[in-house]
């Protein structure tokens, strides 16, 4: 069994109504990498991550031809989203996602494992096919902070050897990116009770306001040299989760994980 994921990019709106099957598969000269249908006018740009599961065919090494995934998405999911944007643009993506998955499911013959709709470069909603009554909502945030990696139980020499330049006495800074992943139960009668607005407000209060433009070792209780934990990216992810989880739960959802990027190349997710 293998899980194969294909990202399909598209633009909808801008006065180009689509019927099921109209989007088709890009032919020669059409830029499928940038997205098809292509952008025109004041269009909306989306990405759909389609994950399918099944057994690999031993001769070809294929499970499913990715061009077939592209065709199915463009003939079923994209027209559905386009029509929803035209008829009811106020609806929440999380509310629409089960219908998008159901529109694709027959053509995928039970092989759809998950569907993630990247509504913006920072905001997405994801649905697992075996849990159609809930979605995972993700949004990214940023805070700027400085820190010093230093363990008071170790000698200065041991700290310098272990942490190198990250042990500089005056610290150094990062633009941290934080992405909570929140499991939201869907409401069959309407939009989910937990919204993106709630996620942004709660994360802003619990995490961003607490750590933005702070020296983590000097200005925060959680990472204080005496009594706190060393502000590694691993510990920052865990602390952010512990701070945010109670507020999310009180608002009627469940925090599944928090991912923190210290740099573009380094991130930690808690819990794994």
C-alpha atoms as a PDB file:
ATOM      1  CA  UNK A   1       0.000   0.000   0.000  1.00  0.00           C
ATOM      2  CA  UNK A   2       1.276   3.459  -0.921  1.00  0.00           C
ATOM      3  CA  UNK A   3      -0.062   6.992  -0.454  1.00  0.00           C
ATOM      4  CA  UNK A   4       0.379   9.207  -3.506  1.00  0.00           C
ATOM      5  CA  UNK A   5      -0.214  12.967  -3.294  1.00  0.00           C
ATOM      6  CA  UNK A   6      -0.799  15.268  -6.238  1.00  0.00           C
ATOM      7  CA  UNK A   7      -1.157  19.058  -6.011  1.00  0.00           C
ATOM      8  CA  UNK A   8      -3.501  20.623  -8.558  1.00  0.00           C
ATOM      9  CA  UNK A   9      -3.437  24.402  -8.994  1.00  0.00           C
ATOM     10  CA  UNK A  10      -6.262  26.413 -10.464  1.00  0.00           C
ATOM     11  CA  UNK A  11      -7.902  29.808 -10.761  1.00  0.00           C
ATOM     12  CA  UNK A  12     -11.658  30.263 -10.558  1.00  0.00           C
ATOM     13  CA  UNK A  13     -14.040  33.184 -10.908  1.00  0.00           C
ATOM     14  CA  UNK A  14     -13.343  36.246 -13.032  1.00  0.00           C
ATOM     15  CA  UNK A  15     -16.571  35.721 -14.987  1.00  0.00           C
ATOM     16  CA  UNK A  16     -15.697  32.275 -16.320  1.00  0.00           C
ATOM     17  CA  UNK A  17     -18.452  29.949 -15.096  1.00  0.00           C
ATOM     18  CA  UNK A  18     -17.545  26.272 -15.443  1.00  0.00           C
ATOM     19  CA  UNK A  19     -19.755  23.239 -15.723  1.00  0.00           C
ATOM     20  CA  UNK A  20     -18.590  19.781 -14.621  1.00  0.00           C
ATOM     21  CA  UNK A  21     -16.070  18.499 -17.134  1.00  0.00           C
ATOM     22  CA  UNK A  22     -15.379  21.906 -18.660  1.00  0.00           C
ATOM     23  CA  UNK A  23     -11.978  22.509 -17.086  1.00  0.00           C
ATOM     24  CA  UNK A  24     -10.422  19.393 -18.568  1.00  0.00           C
ATOM     25  CA  UNK A  25      -6.732  18.571 -18.543  1.00  0.00           C
ATOM     26  CA  UNK A  26      -4.171  21.094 -19.812  1.00  0.00           C
ATOM     27  CA  UNK A  27      -3.043  20.272 -23.325  1.00  0.00           C
ATOM     28  CA  UNK A  28       0.160  21.329 -25.019  1.00  0.00           C
ATOM     29  CA  UNK A  29       0.775  25.028 -24.460  1.00  0.00           C
ATOM     30  CA  UNK A  30      -1.265  25.209 -21.262  1.00  0.00           C
ATOM     31  CA  UNK A  31       0.745  25.898 -18.109  1.00  0.00           C
ATOM     32  CA  UNK A  32      -0.421  23.212 -15.692  1.00  0.00           C
ATOM     33  CA  UNK A  33       2.440  23.981 -13.315  1.00  0.00           C
ATOM     34  CA  UNK A  34       1.165  27.521 -12.670  1.00  0.00           C
ATOM     35  CA  UNK A  35      -2.444  26.355 -12.666  1.00  0.00           C
ATOM     36  CA  UNK A  36      -5.291  25.449 -14.985  1.00  0.00           C
ATOM     37  CA  UNK A  37      -7.714  27.065 -15.530  1.00  0.00           C
ATOM     38  CA  UNK A  38      -5.184  29.904 -15.688  1.00  0.00           C
ATOM     39  CA  UNK A  39      -5.635  33.201 -13.864  1.00  0.00           C
ATOM     40  CA  UNK A  40      -7.674  35.879 -15.609  1.00  0.00           C
ATOM     41  CA  UNK A  41      -8.870  39.193 -14.231  1.00  0.00           C
ATOM     42  CA  UNK A  42      -9.662  39.201 -10.520  1.00  0.00           C
ATOM     43  CA  UNK A  43      -9.588  35.426 -10.171  1.00  0.00           C
ATOM     44  CA  UNK A  44      -9.147  33.348  -7.014  1.00  0.00           C
ATOM     45  CA  UNK A  45      -6.087  31.071  -6.931  1.00  0.00           C
ATOM     46  CA  UNK A  46      -6.330  27.757  -5.064  1.00  0.00           C
ATOM     47  CA  UNK A  47      -4.332  24.575  -4.599  1.00  0.00           C
ATOM     48  CA  UNK A  48      -5.823  21.148  -3.923  1.00  0.00           C
ATOM     49  CA  UNK A  49      -3.597  18.416  -2.449  1.00  0.00           C
ATOM     50  CA  UNK A  50      -5.200  15.097  -3.374  1.00  0.00           C
ATOM     51  CA  UNK A  51      -3.873  12.014  -1.569  1.00  0.00           C
ATOM     52  CA  UNK A  52      -4.863   8.569  -2.826  1.00  0.00           C
ATOM     53  CA  UNK A  53      -3.983   5.150  -1.447  1.00  0.00           C
ATOM     54  CA  UNK A  54      -3.621   1.742  -3.052  1.00  0.00           C
ATOM     55  CA  UNK A  55      -1.266  -0.946  -4.285  1.00  0.00           C
ATOM     56  CA  UNK A  56       1.489  -0.367  -6.822  1.00  0.00           C
ATOM     57  CA  UNK A  57       1.185  -2.224 -10.113  1.00  0.00           C
ATOM     58  CA  UNK A  58       4.313  -4.443 -10.220  1.00  0.00           C
ATOM     59  CA  UNK A  59       5.085  -4.044 -13.925  1.00  0.00           C
ATOM     60  CA  UNK A  60       4.635  -0.277 -14.403  1.00  0.00           C
ATOM     61  CA  UNK A  61       5.487   0.817 -10.866  1.00  0.00           C
ATOM     62  CA  UNK A  62       2.373   2.997 -10.988  1.00  0.00           C
ATOM     63  CA  UNK A  63      -0.466   3.066  -8.533  1.00  0.00           C
ATOM     64  CA  UNK A  64      -2.461   5.762 -10.316  1.00  0.00           C
ATOM     65  CA  UNK A  65      -1.512   7.976 -13.228  1.00  0.00           C
ATOM     66  CA  UNK A  66      -1.178  11.527 -11.909  1.00  0.00           C
ATOM     67  CA  UNK A  67      -2.675  12.892 -15.126  1.00  0.00           C
ATOM     68  CA  UNK A  68      -5.804  10.975 -14.230  1.00  0.00           C
ATOM     69  CA  UNK A  69      -5.839  12.707 -10.834  1.00  0.00           C
ATOM     70  CA  UNK A  70      -5.480  16.071 -12.590  1.00  0.00           C
ATOM     71  CA  UNK A  71      -8.373  15.265 -14.919  1.00  0.00           C
ATOM     72  CA  UNK A  72     -10.686  14.168 -12.113  1.00  0.00           C
ATOM     73  CA  UNK A  73      -9.957  17.279 -10.029  1.00  0.00           C
ATOM     74  CA  UNK A  74     -10.473  19.606 -12.980  1.00  0.00           C
ATOM     75  CA  UNK A  75     -13.670  17.909 -14.114  1.00  0.00           C
ATOM     76  CA  UNK A  76     -15.331  17.568 -10.698  1.00  0.00           C
ATOM     77  CA  UNK A  77     -13.796  19.560  -7.836  1.00  0.00           C
ATOM     78  CA  UNK A  78     -12.859  22.769  -9.628  1.00  0.00           C
ATOM     79  CA  UNK A  79     -16.279  23.387 -11.241  1.00  0.00           C
ATOM     80  CA  UNK A  80     -17.929  22.733  -7.860  1.00  0.00           C
ATOM     81  CA  UNK A  81     -15.674  25.287  -6.143  1.00  0.00           C
ATOM     82  CA  UNK A  82     -16.156  27.769  -8.970  1.00  0.00           C
ATOM     83  CA  UNK A  83     -19.945  27.545  -8.684  1.00  0.00           C
ATOM     84  CA  UNK A  84     -19.787  27.915  -4.890  1.00  0.00           C
ATOM     85  CA  UNK A  85     -17.636  31.042  -5.225  1.00  0.00           C
ATOM     86  CA  UNK A  86     -20.221  32.557  -7.550  1.00  0.00           C
ATOM     87  CA  UNK A  87     -23.372  31.577  -5.684  1.00  0.00           C
ATOM     88  CA  UNK A  88     -22.345  31.773  -2.028  1.00  0.00           C
ATOM     89  CA  UNK A  89     -18.910  33.364  -1.597  1.00  0.00           C
ATOM     90  CA  UNK A  90     -19.558  33.874   2.133  1.00  0.00           C
ATOM     91  CA  UNK A  91     -19.492  30.127   2.853  1.00  0.00           C
ATOM     92  CA  UNK A  92     -16.579  28.650   4.776  1.00  0.00           C
ATOM     93  CA  UNK A  93     -14.148  26.393   2.868  1.00  0.00           C
ATOM     94  CA  UNK A  94     -14.403  23.866   5.712  1.00  0.00           C
ATOM     95  CA  UNK A  95     -18.152  23.664   5.154  1.00  0.00           C
ATOM     96  CA  UNK A  96     -17.676  22.963   1.427  1.00  0.00           C
ATOM     97  CA  UNK A  97     -14.819  20.485   1.625  1.00  0.00           C
ATOM     98  CA  UNK A  98     -16.901  17.292   2.211  1.00  0.00           C
ATOM     99  CA  UNK A  99     -18.982  18.102  -0.877  1.00  0.00           C
ATOM    100  CA  UNK A 100     -15.813  18.642  -2.921  1.00  0.00           C
ATOM    101  CA  UNK A 101     -14.490  15.262  -1.758  1.00  0.00           C
ATOM    102  CA  UNK A 102     -17.796  13.536  -2.548  1.00  0.00           C
ATOM    103  CA  UNK A 103     -17.789  15.049  -6.041  1.00  0.00           C
ATOM    104  CA  UNK A 104     -14.392  13.458  -6.696  1.00  0.00           C
ATOM    105  CA  UNK A 105     -14.907  10.147  -4.898  1.00  0.00           C
ATOM    106  CA  UNK A 106     -16.772   8.114  -7.584  1.00  0.00           C
ATOM    107  CA  UNK A 107     -14.118   8.745 -10.228  1.00  0.00           C
ATOM    108  CA  UNK A 108     -11.372   7.780  -7.756  1.00  0.00           C
ATOM    109  CA  UNK A 109     -13.156   4.508  -6.962  1.00  0.00           C
ATOM    110  CA  UNK A 110     -12.635   4.576  -3.209  1.00  0.00           C
ATOM    111  CA  UNK A 111      -8.961   5.474  -3.412  1.00  0.00           C
ATOM    112  CA  UNK A 112      -9.237   9.029  -2.015  1.00  0.00           C
ATOM    113  CA  UNK A 113      -7.430   9.161   1.349  1.00  0.00           C
ATOM    114  CA  UNK A 114      -7.406  12.906   2.056  1.00  0.00           C
ATOM    115  CA  UNK A 115      -8.074  16.253   0.433  1.00  0.00           C
ATOM    116  CA  UNK A 116      -6.376  19.486   1.480  1.00  0.00           C
ATOM    117  CA  UNK A 117      -7.626  22.803   0.109  1.00  0.00           C
ATOM    118  CA  UNK A 118      -4.961  25.522   0.284  1.00  0.00           C
ATOM    119  CA  UNK A 119      -7.229  28.546   0.304  1.00  0.00           C
ATOM    120  CA  UNK A 120      -4.320  31.002   0.646  1.00  0.00           C
ATOM    121  CA  UNK A 121      -0.539  30.519   0.914  1.00  0.00           C
ATOM    122  CA  UNK A 122      -0.964  30.367   4.725  1.00  0.00           C
ATOM    123  CA  UNK A 123      -4.481  28.990   5.314  1.00  0.00           C
ATOM    124  CA  UNK A 124      -5.748  25.500   4.508  1.00  0.00           C
ATOM    125  CA  UNK A 125      -8.434  22.999   5.455  1.00  0.00           C
ATOM    126  CA  UNK A 126      -7.961  19.231   5.192  1.00  0.00           C
ATOM    127  CA  UNK A 127     -10.363  16.306   5.223  1.00  0.00           C
ATOM    128  CA  UNK A 128      -9.573  12.618   5.757  1.00  0.00           C
ATOM    129  CA  UNK A 129     -11.891  10.298   3.844  1.00  0.00           C
ATOM    130  CA  UNK A 130     -12.475   8.119   6.911  1.00  0.00           C
ATOM    131  CA  UNK A 131     -13.459  11.166   9.027  1.00  0.00           C
ATOM    132  CA  UNK A 132     -15.865  13.111   6.854  1.00  0.00           C
ATOM    133  CA  UNK A 133     -17.422  14.818   9.871  1.00  0.00           C
ATOM    134  CA  UNK A 134     -14.356  16.907  10.693  1.00  0.00           C
ATOM    135  CA  UNK A 135     -11.637  18.970   9.046  1.00  0.00           C
ATOM    136  CA  UNK A 136      -8.187  20.078  10.131  1.00  0.00           C
ATOM    137  CA  UNK A 137      -7.794  23.857   9.850  1.00  0.00           C
ATOM    138  CA  UNK A 138      -4.304  25.346   9.578  1.00  0.00           C
ATOM    139  CA  UNK A 139      -3.207  28.970   9.581  1.00  0.00           C
ATOM    140  CA  UNK A 140       0.293  30.414   9.790  1.00  0.00           C
ATOM    141  CA  UNK A 141       1.458  33.270  12.002  1.00  0.00           C
ATOM    142  CA  UNK A 142       4.771  35.022  12.556  1.00  0.00           C
ATOM    143  CA  UNK A 143       6.555  36.482  15.538  1.00  0.00           C
ATOM    144  CA  UNK A 144      10.042  37.980  15.779  1.00  0.00           C
ATOM    145  CA  UNK A 145      12.071  37.086  18.845  1.00  0.00           C
ATOM    146  CA  UNK A 146      15.628  36.632  20.037  1.00  0.00           C
ATOM    147  CA  UNK A 147      16.941  33.778  22.139  1.00  0.00           C
ATOM    148  CA  UNK A 148      20.059  32.180  23.516  1.00  0.00           C
ATOM    149  CA  UNK A 149      20.546  28.428  23.696  1.00  0.00           C
ATOM    150  CA  UNK A 150      22.055  27.833  27.120  1.00  0.00           C
ATOM    151  CA  UNK A 151      21.585  25.160  29.793  1.00  0.00           C
ATOM    152  CA  UNK A 152      22.398  26.424  33.312  1.00  0.00           C
ATOM    153  CA  UNK A 153      23.149  22.880  34.465  1.00  0.00           C
ATOM    154  CA  UNK A 154      26.072  22.690  32.011  1.00  0.00           C
ATOM    155  CA  UNK A 155      29.367  24.554  32.193  1.00  0.00           C
ATOM    156  CA  UNK A 156      30.008  27.525  29.908  1.00  0.00           C
ATOM    157  CA  UNK A 157      32.490  25.427  27.966  1.00  0.00           C
ATOM    158  CA  UNK A 158      29.962  22.611  27.499  1.00  0.00           C
ATOM    159  CA  UNK A 159      27.307  25.094  26.355  1.00  0.00           C
ATOM    160  CA  UNK A 160      29.671  26.635  23.795  1.00  0.00           C
ATOM    161  CA  UNK A 161      30.662  23.205  22.506  1.00  0.00           C
ATOM    162  CA  UNK A 162      27.037  22.021  22.267  1.00  0.00           C
ATOM    163  CA  UNK A 163      25.330  25.140  20.881  1.00  0.00           C
ATOM    164  CA  UNK A 164      28.171  26.971  19.112  1.00  0.00           C
ATOM    165  CA  UNK A 165      27.281  30.488  17.962  1.00  0.00           C
ATOM    166  CA  UNK A 166      23.711  29.983  19.187  1.00  0.00           C
ATOM    167  CA  UNK A 167      25.192  30.268  22.704  1.00  0.00           C
ATOM    168  CA  UNK A 168      26.317  33.867  22.124  1.00  0.00           C
ATOM    169  CA  UNK A 169      25.726  35.727  25.429  1.00  0.00           C
ATOM    170  CA  UNK A 170      23.650  38.471  23.799  1.00  0.00           C
ATOM    171  CA  UNK A 171      21.518  36.043  21.824  1.00  0.00           C
ATOM    172  CA  UNK A 172      20.371  36.138  18.213  1.00  0.00           C
ATOM    173  CA  UNK A 173      17.022  36.507  16.484  1.00  0.00           C
ATOM    174  CA  UNK A 174      14.587  34.685  14.218  1.00  0.00           C
ATOM    175  CA  UNK A 175      11.332  35.382  12.457  1.00  0.00           C
ATOM    176  CA  UNK A 176       9.462  32.359  13.757  1.00  0.00           C
ATOM    177  CA  UNK A 177       6.510  30.980  11.786  1.00  0.00           C
ATOM    178  CA  UNK A 178       3.831  29.164  13.807  1.00  0.00           C
ATOM    179  CA  UNK A 179       1.172  26.891  12.315  1.00  0.00           C
ATOM    180  CA  UNK A 180      -1.514  25.442  14.616  1.00  0.00           C
ATOM    181  CA  UNK A 181      -3.470  22.488  13.201  1.00  0.00           C
ATOM    182  CA  UNK A 182      -6.973  22.442  14.688  1.00  0.00           C
ATOM    183  CA  UNK A 183      -9.472  19.578  14.375  1.00  0.00           C
ATOM    184  CA  UNK A 184     -12.895  21.127  13.806  1.00  0.00           C
ATOM    185  CA  UNK A 185     -16.129  19.125  13.934  1.00  0.00           C
ATOM    186  CA  UNK A 186     -18.428  19.950  11.041  1.00  0.00           C
ATOM    187  CA  UNK A 187     -22.026  21.053  11.460  1.00  0.00           C
ATOM    188  CA  UNK A 188     -24.407  19.313   9.006  1.00  0.00           C
ATOM    189  CA  UNK A 189     -26.816  22.242   9.284  1.00  0.00           C
ATOM    190  CA  UNK A 190     -24.383  25.028   8.470  1.00  0.00           C
ATOM    191  CA  UNK A 191     -20.879  26.395   8.935  1.00  0.00           C
ATOM    192  CA  UNK A 192     -18.640  24.975  11.678  1.00  0.00           C
ATOM    193  CA  UNK A 193     -18.848  26.734  15.023  1.00  0.00           C
ATOM    194  CA  UNK A 194     -15.055  27.184  15.155  1.00  0.00           C
ATOM    195  CA  UNK A 195     -13.843  29.656  12.532  1.00  0.00           C
ATOM    196  CA  UNK A 196     -10.619  31.056  11.138  1.00  0.00           C
ATOM    197  CA  UNK A 197     -11.398  34.295  12.973  1.00  0.00           C
ATOM    198  CA  UNK A 198     -11.437  32.371  16.267  1.00  0.00           C
ATOM    199  CA  UNK A 199      -8.154  30.635  15.462  1.00  0.00           C
ATOM    200  CA  UNK A 200      -6.445  33.919  14.644  1.00  0.00           C
ATOM    201  CA  UNK A 201      -7.779  35.655  17.737  1.00  0.00           C
ATOM    202  CA  UNK A 202      -6.835  32.847  20.130  1.00  0.00           C
ATOM    203  CA  UNK A 203      -3.370  32.317  18.637  1.00  0.00           C
ATOM    204  CA  UNK A 204      -2.733  36.052  18.730  1.00  0.00           C
ATOM    205  CA  UNK A 205      -3.653  36.223  22.395  1.00  0.00           C
ATOM    206  CA  UNK A 206      -1.978  33.029  23.611  1.00  0.00           C
ATOM    207  CA  UNK A 207       1.200  32.978  21.520  1.00  0.00           C
ATOM    208  CA  UNK A 208       1.948  35.998  19.333  1.00  0.00           C
ATOM    209  CA  UNK A 209       1.309  38.737  21.895  1.00  0.00           C
ATOM    210  CA  UNK A 210       3.310  36.783  24.455  1.00  0.00           C
ATOM    211  CA  UNK A 211       6.465  36.218  22.379  1.00  0.00           C
ATOM    212  CA  UNK A 212       6.595  38.807  19.577  1.00  0.00           C
ATOM    213  CA  UNK A 213       9.573  41.183  19.812  1.00  0.00           C
ATOM    214  CA  UNK A 214      10.761  39.587  23.043  1.00  0.00           C
ATOM    215  CA  UNK A 215      14.040  38.111  24.190  1.00  0.00           C
ATOM    216  CA  UNK A 216      12.711  34.696  25.070  1.00  0.00           C
ATOM    217  CA  UNK A 217      15.275  33.987  27.804  1.00  0.00           C
ATOM    218  CA  UNK A 218      14.997  37.421  29.408  1.00  0.00           C
ATOM    219  CA  UNK A 219      11.392  38.509  28.855  1.00  0.00           C
ATOM    220  CA  UNK A 220       9.303  35.349  29.197  1.00  0.00           C
ATOM    221  CA  UNK A 221       8.560  32.989  32.055  1.00  0.00           C
ATOM    222  CA  UNK A 222       8.343  29.955  29.780  1.00  0.00           C
ATOM    223  CA  UNK A 223      11.949  30.270  28.543  1.00  0.00           C
ATOM    224  CA  UNK A 224      13.600  32.006  31.480  1.00  0.00           C
ATOM    225  CA  UNK A 225      17.142  30.845  32.170  1.00  0.00           C
ATOM    226  CA  UNK A 226      16.089  29.929  35.712  1.00  0.00           C
ATOM    227  CA  UNK A 227      12.808  28.049  35.861  1.00  0.00           C
ATOM    228  CA  UNK A 228      12.046  27.906  32.150  1.00  0.00           C
ATOM    229  CA  UNK A 229      13.078  25.594  29.329  1.00  0.00           C
ATOM    230  CA  UNK A 230      15.819  26.120  26.776  1.00  0.00           C
ATOM    231  CA  UNK A 231      14.231  27.985  23.806  1.00  0.00           C
ATOM    232  CA  UNK A 232      15.080  25.430  21.129  1.00  0.00           C
ATOM    233  CA  UNK A 233      12.632  25.136  18.242  1.00  0.00           C
ATOM    234  CA  UNK A 234      11.498  21.808  19.705  1.00  0.00           C
ATOM    235  CA  UNK A 235      10.656  23.399  23.051  1.00  0.00           C
ATOM    236  CA  UNK A 236       9.044  26.433  21.421  1.00  0.00           C
ATOM    237  CA  UNK A 237       6.661  24.155  19.504  1.00  0.00           C
ATOM    238  CA  UNK A 238       5.707  22.311  22.702  1.00  0.00           C
ATOM    239  CA  UNK A 239       5.231  25.510  24.705  1.00  0.00           C
ATOM    240  CA  UNK A 240       3.064  27.041  21.975  1.00  0.00           C
ATOM    241  CA  UNK A 241       0.920  23.891  21.956  1.00  0.00           C
ATOM    242  CA  UNK A 242       0.539  23.897  25.746  1.00  0.00           C
ATOM    243  CA  UNK A 243      -0.440  27.577  25.771  1.00  0.00           C
ATOM    244  CA  UNK A 244      -2.927  27.324  22.916  1.00  0.00           C
ATOM    245  CA  UNK A 245      -4.606  23.943  23.492  1.00  0.00           C
ATOM    246  CA  UNK A 246      -6.814  24.980  26.456  1.00  0.00           C
ATOM    247  CA  UNK A 247      -8.126  28.054  24.635  1.00  0.00           C
ATOM    248  CA  UNK A 248      -8.923  26.030  21.503  1.00  0.00           C
ATOM    249  CA  UNK A 249     -10.696  23.378  23.575  1.00  0.00           C
ATOM    250  CA  UNK A 250     -12.768  25.980  25.387  1.00  0.00           C
ATOM    251  CA  UNK A 251     -13.848  27.360  22.006  1.00  0.00           C
ATOM    252  CA  UNK A 252     -15.189  23.957  20.948  1.00  0.00           C
ATOM    253  CA  UNK A 253     -12.363  22.511  18.837  1.00  0.00           C
ATOM    254  CA  UNK A 254      -9.253  20.422  19.441  1.00  0.00           C
ATOM    255  CA  UNK A 255      -5.667  21.456  18.826  1.00  0.00           C
ATOM    256  CA  UNK A 256      -4.027  18.546  16.988  1.00  0.00           C
ATOM    257  CA  UNK A 257      -0.491  19.949  16.720  1.00  0.00           C
ATOM    258  CA  UNK A 258       1.652  23.039  16.386  1.00  0.00           C
ATOM    259  CA  UNK A 259       4.502  23.404  13.907  1.00  0.00           C
ATOM    260  CA  UNK A 260       7.144  26.101  14.408  1.00  0.00           C
ATOM    261  CA  UNK A 261       9.671  27.091  11.756  1.00  0.00           C
ATOM    262  CA  UNK A 262      12.828  28.640  13.185  1.00  0.00           C
ATOM    263  CA  UNK A 263      14.187  29.125   9.672  1.00  0.00           C
ATOM    264  CA  UNK A 264      12.958  28.128   6.234  1.00  0.00           C
ATOM    265  CA  UNK A 265      14.939  24.895   6.599  1.00  0.00           C
ATOM    266  CA  UNK A 266      14.263  23.981  10.236  1.00  0.00           C
ATOM    267  CA  UNK A 267      10.941  23.210  11.906  1.00  0.00           C
ATOM    268  CA  UNK A 268       9.494  21.164  14.760  1.00  0.00           C
ATOM    269  CA  UNK A 269       5.987  19.770  15.217  1.00  0.00           C
ATOM    270  CA  UNK A 270       4.466  18.930  18.591  1.00  0.00           C
ATOM    271  CA  UNK A 271       3.011  16.443  19.185  1.00  0.00           C
ATOM    272  CA  UNK A 272       4.384  14.356  16.337  1.00  0.00           C
END
